[in-house]
Amino acid sequence: MTESAHPEGLSMLEKRRIEAEILKEVYETLKESHGEDTARETIAESVRRSAIEQARAFAATAPGGPSLKAFQDVMPLWTKGGALEIEVKEQTDKSFAFNVVRCRYAETYKAMGLGEIGHLLSCNRDGAFCEGYDPKLKLERTQTIMQGASHCNFRYTYET
């Protein structure tokens, strides 16, 4: 994996915490100058664009090109250090379904005073990541811990 895809040795949770420290100030500044709605919209769109670009970098380094298998192979970056505790429900060459039963991303954002926009900083990335990684990768998710559910239900499918 290239450094542009993800810095070696840095967990994704650590990377997201660093990004959130910066985005927290951007969010507060935008709220003061343009109001809360504009601040939220700007953060959401900026994070979405970032996720697409980061996904393109991951896709460029996927052995043999992007695929559901290559996507599954990089999952340890997101779960490293217990950042996510997941229960795999299904894992085939065309689908990958799991529930997140503990999300330290949510816990981190809440501890940083960012609970109100945690979903914009983290959950917002998941579907956008699919866009940048491979348009054949689709995500269906109806609930998240970040927004008060007991678990997040990730259902990825790969169109062939």
C-alpha atoms as a PDB file:
ATOM      1  CA  MET A   1       0.000   0.000   0.000  1.00  0.00           C
ATOM      2  CA  THR A   2       1.321   3.424  -0.852  1.00  0.00           C
ATOM      3  CA  GLU A   3       1.720   6.167   1.707  1.00  0.00           C
ATOM      4  CA  SER A   4      -0.977   8.172  -0.062  1.00  0.00           C
ATOM      5  CA  ALA A   5      -3.469   5.379   0.599  1.00  0.00           C
ATOM      6  CA  HIS A   6      -2.655   5.174   4.302  1.00  0.00           C
ATOM      7  CA  PRO A   7       0.442   6.003   6.366  1.00  0.00           C
ATOM      8  CA  GLU A   8       2.213   2.859   7.564  1.00  0.00           C
ATOM      9  CA  GLY A   9       1.767   2.098  11.257  1.00  0.00           C
ATOM     10  CA  LEU A  10      -1.019   4.610  11.828  1.00  0.00           C
ATOM     11  CA  SER A  11      -4.366   3.120  12.741  1.00  0.00           C
ATOM     12  CA  MET A  12      -7.396   4.476  10.920  1.00  0.00           C
ATOM     13  CA  LEU A  13      -8.831   5.548  14.281  1.00  0.00           C
ATOM     14  CA  GLU A  14      -5.694   7.624  14.964  1.00  0.00           C
ATOM     15  CA  LYS A  15      -5.886   9.127  11.481  1.00  0.00           C
ATOM     16  CA  ARG A  16      -9.562  10.033  11.943  1.00  0.00           C
ATOM     17  CA  ARG A  17      -8.849  11.576  15.364  1.00  0.00           C
ATOM     18  CA  ILE A  18      -6.147  13.797  13.846  1.00  0.00           C
ATOM     19  CA  GLU A  19      -8.464  14.815  11.010  1.00  0.00           C
ATOM     20  CA  ALA A  20     -11.261  15.524  13.496  1.00  0.00           C
ATOM     21  CA  GLU A  21      -9.029  17.833  15.543  1.00  0.00           C
ATOM     22  CA  ILE A  22      -8.626  20.022  12.473  1.00  0.00           C
ATOM     23  CA  LEU A  23     -12.216  19.680  11.259  1.00  0.00           C
ATOM     24  CA  LYS A  24     -13.533  20.608  14.703  1.00  0.00           C
ATOM     25  CA  GLU A  25     -11.999  24.063  14.347  1.00  0.00           C
ATOM     26  CA  VAL A  26     -13.199  24.392  10.755  1.00  0.00           C
ATOM     27  CA  TYR A  27     -16.709  23.410  11.870  1.00  0.00           C
ATOM     28  CA  GLU A  28     -16.727  25.915  14.749  1.00  0.00           C
ATOM     29  CA  THR A  29     -15.393  28.689  12.491  1.00  0.00           C
ATOM     30  CA  LEU A  30     -18.011  27.980   9.831  1.00  0.00           C
ATOM     31  CA  LYS A  31     -20.799  27.888  12.428  1.00  0.00           C
ATOM     32  CA  GLU A  32     -19.776  31.350  13.634  1.00  0.00           C
ATOM     33  CA  SER A  33     -19.444  32.864  10.166  1.00  0.00           C
ATOM     34  CA  HIS A  34     -22.105  31.039   8.131  1.00  0.00           C
ATOM     35  CA  GLY A  35     -24.409  29.219  10.560  1.00  0.00           C
ATOM     36  CA  GLU A  36     -24.789  25.617  11.666  1.00  0.00           C
ATOM     37  CA  ASP A  37     -26.528  24.337   8.510  1.00  0.00           C
ATOM     38  CA  THR A  38     -23.790  25.624   6.220  1.00  0.00           C
ATOM     39  CA  ALA A  39     -21.113  24.320   8.589  1.00  0.00           C
ATOM     40  CA  ARG A  40     -22.645  20.833   8.571  1.00  0.00           C
ATOM     41  CA  GLU A  41     -23.128  20.835   4.783  1.00  0.00           C
ATOM     42  CA  THR A  42     -19.529  21.957   4.227  1.00  0.00           C
ATOM     43  CA  ILE A  43     -18.072  19.351   6.576  1.00  0.00           C
ATOM     44  CA  ALA A  44     -20.254  16.615   5.035  1.00  0.00           C
ATOM     45  CA  GLU A  45     -19.224  17.483   1.480  1.00  0.00           C
ATOM     46  CA  SER A  46     -15.541  17.892   2.368  1.00  0.00           C
ATOM     47  CA  VAL A  47     -15.433  14.515   4.137  1.00  0.00           C
ATOM     48  CA  ARG A  48     -17.316  12.865   1.249  1.00  0.00           C
ATOM     49  CA  ARG A  49     -14.799  14.206  -1.274  1.00  0.00           C
ATOM     50  CA  SER A  50     -11.895  13.149   0.926  1.00  0.00           C
ATOM     51  CA  ALA A  51     -13.320   9.625   1.241  1.00  0.00           C
ATOM     52  CA  ILE A  52     -13.650   9.310  -2.535  1.00  0.00           C
ATOM     53  CA  GLU A  53     -10.044  10.419  -3.059  1.00  0.00           C
ATOM     54  CA  GLN A  54      -8.724   8.130  -0.321  1.00  0.00           C
ATOM     55  CA  ALA A  55     -10.693   5.239  -1.842  1.00  0.00           C
ATOM     56  CA  ARG A  56      -9.134   5.907  -5.247  1.00  0.00           C
ATOM     57  CA  ALA A  57      -5.705   5.598  -3.625  1.00  0.00           C
ATOM     58  CA  PHE A  58      -6.713   2.265  -2.043  1.00  0.00           C
ATOM     59  CA  ALA A  59      -8.082   1.035  -5.381  1.00  0.00           C
ATOM     60  CA  ALA A  60      -4.861   1.976  -7.155  1.00  0.00           C
ATOM     61  CA  THR A  61      -2.873  -0.235  -4.788  1.00  0.00           C
ATOM     62  CA  ALA A  62      -5.253  -3.223  -4.762  1.00  0.00           C
ATOM     63  CA  PRO A  63      -3.459  -6.328  -6.046  1.00  0.00           C
ATOM     64  CA  GLY A  64      -5.072  -7.202  -9.372  1.00  0.00           C
ATOM     65  CA  GLY A  65      -7.306  -4.125  -9.157  1.00  0.00           C
ATOM     66  CA  PRO A  66     -10.258  -3.354  -6.930  1.00  0.00           C
ATOM     67  CA  SER A  67     -12.522  -6.230  -5.925  1.00  0.00           C
ATOM     68  CA  LEU A  68     -14.636  -7.253  -2.971  1.00  0.00           C
ATOM     69  CA  LYS A  69     -11.814  -9.555  -1.835  1.00  0.00           C
ATOM     70  CA  ALA A  70      -9.257  -6.732  -1.976  1.00  0.00           C
ATOM     71  CA  PHE A  71     -11.722  -4.515  -0.082  1.00  0.00           C
ATOM     72  CA  GLN A  72     -12.151  -7.194   2.598  1.00  0.00           C
ATOM     73  CA  ASP A  73      -8.361  -7.536   2.833  1.00  0.00           C
ATOM     74  CA  VAL A  74      -7.953  -3.889   3.935  1.00  0.00           C
ATOM     75  CA  MET A  75     -10.687  -4.100   6.617  1.00  0.00           C
ATOM     76  CA  PRO A  76      -8.058  -4.640   9.345  1.00  0.00           C
ATOM     77  CA  LEU A  77      -7.049  -0.988   8.902  1.00  0.00           C
ATOM     78  CA  TRP A  78     -10.488   0.082  10.180  1.00  0.00           C
ATOM     79  CA  THR A  79     -10.652  -2.488  12.982  1.00  0.00           C
ATOM     80  CA  LYS A  80      -7.008  -2.170  14.153  1.00  0.00           C
ATOM     81  CA  GLY A  81      -6.627  -1.871  17.906  1.00  0.00           C
ATOM     82  CA  GLY A  82     -10.280  -2.697  18.545  1.00  0.00           C
ATOM     83  CA  ALA A  83     -11.480   0.438  16.744  1.00  0.00           C
ATOM     84  CA  LEU A  84     -14.452  -1.567  15.492  1.00  0.00           C
ATOM     85  CA  GLU A  85     -15.786  -4.776  16.938  1.00  0.00           C
ATOM     86  CA  ILE A  86     -17.619  -6.604  14.197  1.00  0.00           C
ATOM     87  CA  GLU A  87     -19.714  -9.722  13.780  1.00  0.00           C
ATOM     88  CA  VAL A  88     -19.469 -11.076  10.245  1.00  0.00           C
ATOM     89  CA  LYS A  89     -22.844 -12.254   8.957  1.00  0.00           C
ATOM     90  CA  GLU A  90     -21.893 -13.240   5.405  1.00  0.00           C
ATOM     91  CA  GLN A  91     -18.697 -13.209   3.387  1.00  0.00           C
ATOM     92  CA  THR A  92     -18.715 -14.404  -0.222  1.00  0.00           C
ATOM     93  CA  ASP A  93     -17.196 -13.235  -3.491  1.00  0.00           C
ATOM     94  CA  LYS A  94     -20.289 -11.058  -4.093  1.00  0.00           C
ATOM     95  CA  SER A  95     -21.348  -9.959  -0.614  1.00  0.00           C
ATOM     96  CA  PHE A  96     -19.841  -8.919   2.680  1.00  0.00           C
ATOM     97  CA  ALA A  97     -22.269  -8.363   5.541  1.00  0.00           C
ATOM     98  CA  PHE A  98     -21.353  -7.521   9.107  1.00  0.00           C
ATOM     99  CA  ASN A  99     -22.608  -5.691  12.150  1.00  0.00           C
ATOM    100  CA  VAL A 100     -20.467  -3.282  14.108  1.00  0.00           C
ATOM    101  CA  VAL A 101     -21.272  -3.900  17.770  1.00  0.00           C
ATOM    102  CA  ARG A 102     -18.741  -1.439  19.209  1.00  0.00           C
ATOM    103  CA  CYS A 103     -17.484   1.682  17.493  1.00  0.00           C
ATOM    104  CA  ARG A 104     -14.556   3.490  19.052  1.00  0.00           C
ATOM    105  CA  TYR A 105     -14.837   6.097  16.288  1.00  0.00           C
ATOM    106  CA  ALA A 106     -18.178   7.128  17.835  1.00  0.00           C
ATOM    107  CA  GLU A 107     -16.650   7.037  21.311  1.00  0.00           C
ATOM    108  CA  THR A 108     -13.695   9.156  20.177  1.00  0.00           C
ATOM    109  CA  TYR A 109     -15.812  11.821  18.506  1.00  0.00           C
ATOM    110  CA  LYS A 110     -18.096  12.017  21.524  1.00  0.00           C
ATOM    111  CA  ALA A 111     -15.094  12.423  23.850  1.00  0.00           C
ATOM    112  CA  MET A 112     -13.794  15.207  21.571  1.00  0.00           C
ATOM    113  CA  GLY A 113     -17.111  17.052  21.834  1.00  0.00           C
ATOM    114  CA  LEU A 114     -17.980  16.152  18.239  1.00  0.00           C
ATOM    115  CA  GLY A 115     -20.804  13.699  18.866  1.00  0.00           C
ATOM    116  CA  GLU A 116     -23.283  15.936  17.034  1.00  0.00           C
ATOM    117  CA  ILE A 117     -21.296  15.662  13.782  1.00  0.00           C
ATOM    118  CA  GLY A 118     -19.592  12.301  14.290  1.00  0.00           C
ATOM    119  CA  HIS A 119     -21.777  10.751  11.606  1.00  0.00           C
ATOM    120  CA  LEU A 120     -20.551  13.394   9.143  1.00  0.00           C
ATOM    121  CA  LEU A 121     -16.918  12.702  10.042  1.00  0.00           C
ATOM    122  CA  SER A 122     -17.106   8.914   9.915  1.00  0.00           C
ATOM    123  CA  CYS A 123     -20.318   7.238   8.746  1.00  0.00           C
ATOM    124  CA  ASN A 124     -20.598   9.698   5.862  1.00  0.00           C
ATOM    125  CA  ARG A 125     -17.390   8.201   4.459  1.00  0.00           C
ATOM    126  CA  ASP A 126     -18.606   4.650   3.993  1.00  0.00           C
ATOM    127  CA  GLY A 127     -20.843   5.033   0.943  1.00  0.00           C
ATOM    128  CA  ALA A 128     -18.547   7.654  -0.570  1.00  0.00           C
ATOM    129  CA  PHE A 129     -15.626   5.248  -0.194  1.00  0.00           C
ATOM    130  CA  CYS A 130     -17.486   2.816  -2.462  1.00  0.00           C
ATOM    131  CA  GLU A 131     -17.840   5.545  -5.110  1.00  0.00           C
ATOM    132  CA  GLY A 132     -14.104   6.125  -5.232  1.00  0.00           C
ATOM    133  CA  TYR A 133     -12.997   2.528  -4.753  1.00  0.00           C
ATOM    134  CA  ASP A 134     -15.147   0.866  -7.417  1.00  0.00           C
ATOM    135  CA  PRO A 135     -18.641   1.835  -8.602  1.00  0.00           C
ATOM    136  CA  LYS A 136     -19.507  -1.896  -8.545  1.00  0.00           C
ATOM    137  CA  LEU A 137     -19.165  -1.876  -4.745  1.00  0.00           C
ATOM    138  CA  LYS A 138     -22.470  -0.912  -3.112  1.00  0.00           C
ATOM    139  CA  LEU A 139     -23.296  -0.331   0.541  1.00  0.00           C
ATOM    140  CA  GLU A 140     -26.652  -0.632   2.214  1.00  0.00           C
ATOM    141  CA  ARG A 141     -26.823   0.437   5.844  1.00  0.00           C
ATOM    142  CA  THR A 142     -29.950   1.455   7.721  1.00  0.00           C
ATOM    143  CA  GLN A 143     -28.573   2.304  11.156  1.00  0.00           C
ATOM    144  CA  THR A 144     -25.423   3.339  13.000  1.00  0.00           C
ATOM    145  CA  ILE A 145     -24.158   3.428  16.549  1.00  0.00           C
ATOM    146  CA  MET A 146     -23.057   7.004  15.867  1.00  0.00           C
ATOM    147  CA  GLN A 147     -26.712   8.015  15.514  1.00  0.00           C
ATOM    148  CA  GLY A 148     -27.965   6.026  18.502  1.00  0.00           C
ATOM    149  CA  ALA A 149     -28.576   2.479  17.229  1.00  0.00           C
ATOM    150  CA  SER A 150     -27.388  -0.616  19.103  1.00  0.00           C
ATOM    151  CA  HIS A 151     -25.213  -1.609  16.122  1.00  0.00           C
ATOM    152  CA  CYS A 152     -24.311  -0.607  12.570  1.00  0.00           C
ATOM    153  CA  ASN A 153     -25.533  -2.948   9.847  1.00  0.00           C
ATOM    154  CA  PHE A 154     -23.126  -2.938   6.909  1.00  0.00           C
ATOM    155  CA  ARG A 155     -24.261  -4.852   3.808  1.00  0.00           C
ATOM    156  CA  TYR A 156     -21.808  -4.622   0.915  1.00  0.00           C
ATOM    157  CA  THR A 157     -22.503  -6.163  -2.453  1.00  0.00           C
ATOM    158  CA  TYR A 158     -20.257  -6.321  -5.473  1.00  0.00           C
ATOM    159  CA  GLU A 159     -21.909  -6.177  -8.877  1.00  0.00           C
ATOM    160  CA  THR A 160     -20.193  -8.258 -11.491  1.00  0.00           C
END
